[in-house]
Amino acid sequence: MLDTFRASFTDELAKPSKFDVKISLPGKLSTLLSTETLSYRCEMATLPGRTMETSDLRIYGPSEKMPHRTSYVDITMTFIVTDAMVERQAFDAWLDLINPTANWNIEYKSNYVSDIIITQYDLVGDVSYAVKLYEAYPLVVNQLDLDWSNEALYHKLSVVFTYRYWQNVDYVAPDEQPTDSNSTVGGPSKPQNNSILVQDTIDNQAADYTNQSIGPKF
């Protein structure tokens, strides 16, 4: 039984440490901290989940759950803070762009949202999975605790992001798929080398970021 279990794992296991995150600060805030710097400072992130909200359908006999919409859970990222505290200052400025303390007027959404790409790499450094969060912005910038007891500690800034929805980077909706007389019903077949397709898509979608980089390779 144990040998059968071991034999079922023919591939290497995915490592949660093999990732990077691309965040571009919106508008004029992009001069405070580059996408590349934020990518290197992100110590912890989450590949988001998706939940189907349902309503109970009661006709006769057992009730049945019927989906009526999708909901997405906010995600938390943790950033290493350097001695100049530029990471904290950048996220403080982002919150102040959304709701400036000078007048408390909420900014237009299009001026403060940014897309975020979270990428998982395999053991040789190729992209194995990637998601894009659309219209994301920080919802909570958590406190930084101060402590005299251990000088070896360093600040880790926890930021909660909300977003409208996420999508697999290499996913193409049926109505967006190119017309191909040789394709089968439901759209063209998936290329065998998925790593190349995902990497090309990330490169294209990240072109709008300033000072962007593909991030560390593992």
C-alpha atoms as a PDB file:
ATOM      1  CA  MET A   1       0.000   0.000   0.000  1.00  0.00           C
ATOM      2  CA  LEU A   2       2.807   2.409   0.904  1.00  0.00           C
ATOM      3  CA  ASP A   3       4.682   1.605  -2.313  1.00  0.00           C
ATOM      4  CA  THR A   4       1.522   2.288  -4.336  1.00  0.00           C
ATOM      5  CA  PHE A   5       1.129   5.632  -2.588  1.00  0.00           C
ATOM      6  CA  ARG A   6       4.726   6.618  -3.330  1.00  0.00           C
ATOM      7  CA  ALA A   7       4.431   5.493  -6.951  1.00  0.00           C
ATOM      8  CA  SER A   8       1.444   7.816  -7.452  1.00  0.00           C
ATOM      9  CA  PHE A   9       3.768  10.825  -7.123  1.00  0.00           C
ATOM     10  CA  THR A  10       5.537  10.804 -10.474  1.00  0.00           C
ATOM     11  CA  ASP A  11       6.258  14.563 -10.471  1.00  0.00           C
ATOM     12  CA  GLU A  12       8.091  16.813  -8.034  1.00  0.00           C
ATOM     13  CA  LEU A  13       5.969  18.559  -5.421  1.00  0.00           C
ATOM     14  CA  ALA A  14       5.244  22.289  -5.783  1.00  0.00           C
ATOM     15  CA  LYS A  15       7.158  24.462  -3.317  1.00  0.00           C
ATOM     16  CA  PRO A  16       5.386  27.465  -1.720  1.00  0.00           C
ATOM     17  CA  SER A  17       8.681  29.388  -1.652  1.00  0.00           C
ATOM     18  CA  LYS A  18       8.986  29.460  -5.457  1.00  0.00           C
ATOM     19  CA  PHE A  19       6.961  32.567  -6.259  1.00  0.00           C
ATOM     20  CA  ASP A  20       7.043  36.244  -7.019  1.00  0.00           C
ATOM     21  CA  VAL A  21       4.529  39.079  -7.058  1.00  0.00           C
ATOM     22  CA  LYS A  22       4.272  42.025  -9.440  1.00  0.00           C
ATOM     23  CA  ILE A  23       2.596  45.121  -7.993  1.00  0.00           C
ATOM     24  CA  SER A  24       2.726  48.480  -9.719  1.00  0.00           C
ATOM     25  CA  LEU A  25       1.808  51.492  -7.618  1.00  0.00           C
ATOM     26  CA  PRO A  26      -0.872  53.532  -9.414  1.00  0.00           C
ATOM     27  CA  GLY A  27      -0.258  56.837 -11.148  1.00  0.00           C
ATOM     28  CA  LYS A  28       2.146  59.291  -9.565  1.00  0.00           C
ATOM     29  CA  LEU A  29       2.889  56.868  -6.717  1.00  0.00           C
ATOM     30  CA  SER A  30       4.949  54.721  -9.100  1.00  0.00           C
ATOM     31  CA  THR A  31       7.962  56.967  -8.420  1.00  0.00           C
ATOM     32  CA  LEU A  32       7.981  55.985  -4.730  1.00  0.00           C
ATOM     33  CA  LEU A  33       8.747  52.302  -5.198  1.00  0.00           C
ATOM     34  CA  SER A  34       9.352  50.283  -8.358  1.00  0.00           C
ATOM     35  CA  THR A  35       7.538  47.087  -9.310  1.00  0.00           C
ATOM     36  CA  GLU A  36      10.856  45.246  -9.141  1.00  0.00           C
ATOM     37  CA  THR A  37      11.562  46.454  -5.595  1.00  0.00           C
ATOM     38  CA  LEU A  38       8.101  45.465  -4.372  1.00  0.00           C
ATOM     39  CA  SER A  39       8.568  42.051  -5.973  1.00  0.00           C
ATOM     40  CA  TYR A  40      11.798  41.441  -4.055  1.00  0.00           C
ATOM     41  CA  ARG A  41      10.348  42.758  -0.782  1.00  0.00           C
ATOM     42  CA  CYS A  42       7.275  40.493  -0.841  1.00  0.00           C
ATOM     43  CA  GLU A  43       8.125  37.691   1.585  1.00  0.00           C
ATOM     44  CA  MET A  44       4.716  36.049   1.782  1.00  0.00           C
ATOM     45  CA  ALA A  45       1.670  36.017  -0.496  1.00  0.00           C
ATOM     46  CA  THR A  46      -1.381  33.908  -1.353  1.00  0.00           C
ATOM     47  CA  LEU A  47      -2.733  32.309  -4.481  1.00  0.00           C
ATOM     48  CA  PRO A  48      -6.361  33.423  -4.063  1.00  0.00           C
ATOM     49  CA  GLY A  49      -9.376  31.162  -3.897  1.00  0.00           C
ATOM     50  CA  ARG A  50     -12.817  31.463  -5.424  1.00  0.00           C
ATOM     51  CA  THR A  51     -16.196  30.732  -3.842  1.00  0.00           C
ATOM     52  CA  MET A  52     -19.550  30.105  -5.482  1.00  0.00           C
ATOM     53  CA  GLU A  53     -22.382  31.758  -3.578  1.00  0.00           C
ATOM     54  CA  THR A  54     -25.551  29.685  -3.685  1.00  0.00           C
ATOM     55  CA  SER A  55     -29.246  29.852  -2.868  1.00  0.00           C
ATOM     56  CA  ASP A  56     -31.284  26.883  -1.712  1.00  0.00           C
ATOM     57  CA  LEU A  57     -33.740  25.625  -4.323  1.00  0.00           C
ATOM     58  CA  ARG A  58     -36.693  23.910  -2.698  1.00  0.00           C
ATOM     59  CA  ILE A  59     -39.197  22.187  -4.971  1.00  0.00           C
ATOM     60  CA  TYR A  60     -39.816  18.726  -3.561  1.00  0.00           C
ATOM     61  CA  GLY A  61     -37.635  16.463  -1.499  1.00  0.00           C
ATOM     62  CA  PRO A  62     -34.088  17.516  -0.545  1.00  0.00           C
ATOM     63  CA  SER A  63     -33.133  21.126  -1.209  1.00  0.00           C
ATOM     64  CA  GLU A  64     -30.529  21.835  -3.900  1.00  0.00           C
ATOM     65  CA  LYS A  65     -27.868  24.529  -3.863  1.00  0.00           C
ATOM     66  CA  MET A  66     -27.956  26.693  -7.009  1.00  0.00           C
ATOM     67  CA  PRO A  67     -25.043  29.068  -7.759  1.00  0.00           C
ATOM     68  CA  HIS A  68     -25.927  32.688  -8.437  1.00  0.00           C
ATOM     69  CA  ARG A  69     -22.577  34.524  -8.299  1.00  0.00           C
ATOM     70  CA  THR A  70     -18.866  34.257  -7.489  1.00  0.00           C
ATOM     71  CA  SER A  71     -17.217  35.883  -4.497  1.00  0.00           C
ATOM     72  CA  TYR A  72     -13.512  36.442  -3.839  1.00  0.00           C
ATOM     73  CA  VAL A  73     -11.695  36.615  -0.519  1.00  0.00           C
ATOM     74  CA  ASP A  74      -9.229  39.417   0.266  1.00  0.00           C
ATOM     75  CA  ILE A  75      -5.596  38.303   0.372  1.00  0.00           C
ATOM     76  CA  THR A  76      -2.730  39.279   2.667  1.00  0.00           C
ATOM     77  CA  MET A  77       0.854  39.920   1.604  1.00  0.00           C
ATOM     78  CA  THR A  78       3.859  40.435   3.859  1.00  0.00           C
ATOM     79  CA  PHE A  79       6.680  42.786   2.889  1.00  0.00           C
ATOM     80  CA  ILE A  80      10.195  43.089   4.277  1.00  0.00           C
ATOM     81  CA  VAL A  81      10.754  46.681   5.424  1.00  0.00           C
ATOM     82  CA  THR A  82      14.132  48.313   4.808  1.00  0.00           C
ATOM     83  CA  ASP A  83      15.760  50.779   7.201  1.00  0.00           C
ATOM     84  CA  ALA A  84      14.501  53.823   5.276  1.00  0.00           C
ATOM     85  CA  MET A  85      10.902  52.544   5.728  1.00  0.00           C
ATOM     86  CA  VAL A  86      10.121  53.254   2.059  1.00  0.00           C
ATOM     87  CA  GLU A  87       7.784  50.247   1.855  1.00  0.00           C
ATOM     88  CA  ARG A  88       5.617  51.552   4.702  1.00  0.00           C
ATOM     89  CA  GLN A  89       5.699  55.067   3.270  1.00  0.00           C
ATOM     90  CA  ALA A  90       4.609  53.798  -0.158  1.00  0.00           C
ATOM     91  CA  PHE A  91       1.580  51.940   1.203  1.00  0.00           C
ATOM     92  CA  ASP A  92       0.696  54.882   3.462  1.00  0.00           C
ATOM     93  CA  ALA A  93       0.708  57.081   0.351  1.00  0.00           C
ATOM     94  CA  TRP A  94      -1.483  54.556  -1.509  1.00  0.00           C
ATOM     95  CA  LEU A  95      -4.103  54.679   1.247  1.00  0.00           C
ATOM     96  CA  ASP A  96      -3.907  58.467   1.311  1.00  0.00           C
ATOM     97  CA  LEU A  97      -4.500  58.508  -2.454  1.00  0.00           C
ATOM     98  CA  ILE A  98      -7.693  56.522  -1.946  1.00  0.00           C
ATOM     99  CA  ASN A  99      -8.946  58.659   0.936  1.00  0.00           C
ATOM    100  CA  PRO A 100      -6.722  61.718   1.516  1.00  0.00           C
ATOM    101  CA  THR A 101      -6.631  62.956   5.097  1.00  0.00           C
ATOM    102  CA  ALA A 102      -6.482  66.545   3.777  1.00  0.00           C
ATOM    103  CA  ASN A 103     -10.155  66.505   2.762  1.00  0.00           C
ATOM    104  CA  TRP A 104     -11.459  62.908   3.268  1.00  0.00           C
ATOM    105  CA  ASN A 105     -12.842  62.835  -0.270  1.00  0.00           C
ATOM    106  CA  ILE A 106     -12.703  59.358  -1.811  1.00  0.00           C
ATOM    107  CA  GLU A 107     -10.728  59.323  -5.082  1.00  0.00           C
ATOM    108  CA  TYR A 108     -12.141  57.906  -8.312  1.00  0.00           C
ATOM    109  CA  LYS A 109     -11.533  54.155  -8.398  1.00  0.00           C
ATOM    110  CA  SER A 110      -9.716  54.213 -11.730  1.00  0.00           C
ATOM    111  CA  ASN A 111      -7.042  56.443 -10.164  1.00  0.00           C
ATOM    112  CA  TYR A 112      -6.108  54.166  -7.261  1.00  0.00           C
ATOM    113  CA  VAL A 113      -6.477  50.556  -8.475  1.00  0.00           C
ATOM    114  CA  SER A 114      -3.698  48.412  -9.947  1.00  0.00           C
ATOM    115  CA  ASP A 115      -3.483  44.895 -11.368  1.00  0.00           C
ATOM    116  CA  ILE A 116      -1.355  42.362  -9.483  1.00  0.00           C
ATOM    117  CA  ILE A 117       0.271  39.240 -10.959  1.00  0.00           C
ATOM    118  CA  ILE A 118       1.198  36.355  -8.633  1.00  0.00           C
ATOM    119  CA  THR A 119       3.407  33.686 -10.207  1.00  0.00           C
ATOM    120  CA  GLN A 120       4.317  30.199  -9.004  1.00  0.00           C
ATOM    121  CA  TYR A 121       7.511  28.649 -10.406  1.00  0.00           C
ATOM    122  CA  ASP A 122       8.534  25.019 -10.636  1.00  0.00           C
ATOM    123  CA  LEU A 123      11.828  23.656  -9.296  1.00  0.00           C
ATOM    124  CA  VAL A 124      13.779  24.638 -12.422  1.00  0.00           C
ATOM    125  CA  GLY A 125      12.446  28.199 -12.475  1.00  0.00           C
ATOM    126  CA  ASP A 126       9.772  27.894 -15.172  1.00  0.00           C
ATOM    127  CA  VAL A 127       6.280  29.302 -14.663  1.00  0.00           C
ATOM    128  CA  SER A 128       3.872  26.593 -13.555  1.00  0.00           C
ATOM    129  CA  TYR A 129       0.882  28.719 -12.496  1.00  0.00           C
ATOM    130  CA  ALA A 130       0.002  32.401 -12.471  1.00  0.00           C
ATOM    131  CA  VAL A 131      -2.992  34.559 -11.620  1.00  0.00           C
ATOM    132  CA  LYS A 132      -3.839  38.184 -12.254  1.00  0.00           C
ATOM    133  CA  LEU A 133      -5.843  40.205  -9.728  1.00  0.00           C
ATOM    134  CA  TYR A 134      -7.859  42.913 -11.452  1.00  0.00           C
ATOM    135  CA  GLU A 135      -8.513  46.355  -9.937  1.00  0.00           C
ATOM    136  CA  ALA A 136      -6.648  45.619  -6.719  1.00  0.00           C
ATOM    137  CA  TYR A 137      -5.843  48.078  -3.945  1.00  0.00           C
ATOM    138  CA  PRO A 138      -4.776  47.902  -0.278  1.00  0.00           C
ATOM    139  CA  LEU A 139      -7.646  47.657   2.168  1.00  0.00           C
ATOM    140  CA  VAL A 140      -5.612  47.401   5.368  1.00  0.00           C
ATOM    141  CA  VAL A 141      -2.019  48.421   6.118  1.00  0.00           C
ATOM    142  CA  ASN A 142      -1.340  46.778   9.457  1.00  0.00           C
ATOM    143  CA  GLN A 143       0.660  48.153  12.350  1.00  0.00           C
ATOM    144  CA  LEU A 144       4.382  47.575  12.860  1.00  0.00           C
ATOM    145  CA  ASP A 145       5.127  46.432  16.401  1.00  0.00           C
ATOM    146  CA  LEU A 146       8.134  47.952  18.179  1.00  0.00           C
ATOM    147  CA  ASP A 147      10.202  45.858  20.585  1.00  0.00           C
ATOM    148  CA  TRP A 148      13.470  46.453  22.502  1.00  0.00           C
ATOM    149  CA  SER A 149      13.928  42.796  23.422  1.00  0.00           C
ATOM    150  CA  ASN A 150      15.456  41.455  20.199  1.00  0.00           C
ATOM    151  CA  GLU A 151      17.610  43.495  17.833  1.00  0.00           C
ATOM    152  CA  ALA A 152      17.820  40.562  15.399  1.00  0.00           C
ATOM    153  CA  LEU A 153      14.202  41.054  14.385  1.00  0.00           C
ATOM    154  CA  TYR A 154      13.252  43.122  11.364  1.00  0.00           C
ATOM    155  CA  HIS A 155       9.971  44.766  10.429  1.00  0.00           C
ATOM    156  CA  LYS A 156       7.492  42.782   8.339  1.00  0.00           C
ATOM    157  CA  LEU A 157       4.613  44.827   6.944  1.00  0.00           C
ATOM    158  CA  SER A 158       1.323  42.974   6.487  1.00  0.00           C
ATOM    159  CA  VAL A 159      -0.996  44.447   3.831  1.00  0.00           C
ATOM    160  CA  VAL A 160      -4.499  43.213   3.013  1.00  0.00           C
ATOM    161  CA  PHE A 161      -5.495  43.633  -0.636  1.00  0.00           C
ATOM    162  CA  THR A 162      -8.972  43.545  -2.087  1.00  0.00           C
ATOM    163  CA  TYR A 163      -9.728  43.240  -5.793  1.00  0.00           C
ATOM    164  CA  ARG A 164     -12.645  42.828  -8.167  1.00  0.00           C
ATOM    165  CA  TYR A 165     -11.796  39.340  -9.448  1.00  0.00           C
ATOM    166  CA  TRP A 166      -8.870  37.168 -10.481  1.00  0.00           C
ATOM    167  CA  GLN A 167      -8.166  35.058 -13.538  1.00  0.00           C
ATOM    168  CA  ASN A 168      -5.547  32.546 -14.626  1.00  0.00           C
ATOM    169  CA  VAL A 169      -3.005  34.412 -16.724  1.00  0.00           C
ATOM    170  CA  ASP A 170      -3.137  31.871 -19.555  1.00  0.00           C
ATOM    171  CA  TYR A 171      -6.952  31.582 -19.521  1.00  0.00           C
ATOM    172  CA  VAL A 172      -8.837  32.845 -22.581  1.00  0.00           C
ATOM    173  CA  ALA A 173     -12.613  33.279 -22.348  1.00  0.00           C
ATOM    174  CA  PRO A 174     -14.638  31.508 -25.096  1.00  0.00           C
ATOM    175  CA  ASP A 175     -15.757  34.796 -26.669  1.00  0.00           C
ATOM    176  CA  GLU A 176     -12.126  36.023 -26.746  1.00  0.00           C
ATOM    177  CA  GLN A 177     -10.664  32.967 -28.464  1.00  0.00           C
ATOM    178  CA  PRO A 178      -9.414  33.505 -32.023  1.00  0.00           C
ATOM    179  CA  THR A 179     -11.412  31.976 -34.840  1.00  0.00           C
ATOM    180  CA  ASP A 180      -9.670  28.898 -36.194  1.00  0.00           C
ATOM    181  CA  SER A 181     -11.230  26.646 -38.796  1.00  0.00           C
ATOM    182  CA  ASN A 182      -9.104  23.767 -37.502  1.00  0.00           C
ATOM    183  CA  SER A 183     -10.084  24.177 -33.856  1.00  0.00           C
ATOM    184  CA  THR A 184     -12.556  21.921 -32.120  1.00  0.00           C
ATOM    185  CA  VAL A 185     -15.770  22.977 -30.402  1.00  0.00           C
ATOM    186  CA  GLY A 186     -14.977  24.954 -27.271  1.00  0.00           C
ATOM    187  CA  GLY A 187     -11.906  26.692 -28.667  1.00  0.00           C
ATOM    188  CA  PRO A 188      -8.384  25.731 -29.703  1.00  0.00           C
ATOM    189  CA  SER A 189      -6.584  22.965 -27.874  1.00  0.00           C
ATOM    190  CA  LYS A 190      -4.081  23.839 -25.162  1.00  0.00           C
ATOM    191  CA  PRO A 191      -0.464  23.951 -26.336  1.00  0.00           C
ATOM    192  CA  GLN A 192       1.715  21.185 -24.951  1.00  0.00           C
ATOM    193  CA  ASN A 193       4.342  23.603 -23.639  1.00  0.00           C
ATOM    194  CA  ASN A 194       2.150  25.489 -21.184  1.00  0.00           C
ATOM    195  CA  SER A 195       5.173  27.079 -19.473  1.00  0.00           C
ATOM    196  CA  ILE A 196       6.076  29.051 -22.591  1.00  0.00           C
ATOM    197  CA  LEU A 197       2.488  30.219 -23.096  1.00  0.00           C
ATOM    198  CA  VAL A 198       2.146  31.448 -19.515  1.00  0.00           C
ATOM    199  CA  GLN A 199       5.538  33.171 -19.582  1.00  0.00           C
ATOM    200  CA  ASP A 200       4.744  34.972 -22.857  1.00  0.00           C
ATOM    201  CA  THR A 201       1.375  36.090 -21.487  1.00  0.00           C
ATOM    202  CA  ILE A 202       2.939  37.456 -18.299  1.00  0.00           C
ATOM    203  CA  ASP A 203       5.556  39.350 -20.287  1.00  0.00           C
ATOM    204  CA  ASN A 204       2.860  40.937 -22.471  1.00  0.00           C
ATOM    205  CA  GLN A 205       0.523  41.850 -19.623  1.00  0.00           C
ATOM    206  CA  ALA A 206       3.336  43.244 -17.494  1.00  0.00           C
ATOM    207  CA  ALA A 207       4.519  45.590 -20.269  1.00  0.00           C
ATOM    208  CA  ASP A 208       2.572  48.504 -18.797  1.00  0.00           C
ATOM    209  CA  TYR A 209       4.439  48.322 -15.501  1.00  0.00           C
ATOM    210  CA  THR A 210       7.288  50.753 -14.970  1.00  0.00           C
ATOM    211  CA  ASN A 211      10.678  49.375 -13.963  1.00  0.00           C
ATOM    212  CA  GLN A 212       9.188  45.883 -14.083  1.00  0.00           C
ATOM    213  CA  SER A 213      11.160  42.679 -13.905  1.00  0.00           C
ATOM    214  CA  ILE A 214      10.191  39.036 -14.179  1.00  0.00           C
ATOM    215  CA  GLY A 215      11.499  38.693 -10.630  1.00  0.00           C
ATOM    216  CA  PRO A 216      13.844  36.178  -9.077  1.00  0.00           C
ATOM    217  CA  LYS A 217      14.438  32.864 -10.762  1.00  0.00           C
ATOM    218  CA  PHE A 218      14.721  29.749  -8.689  1.00  0.00           C
END
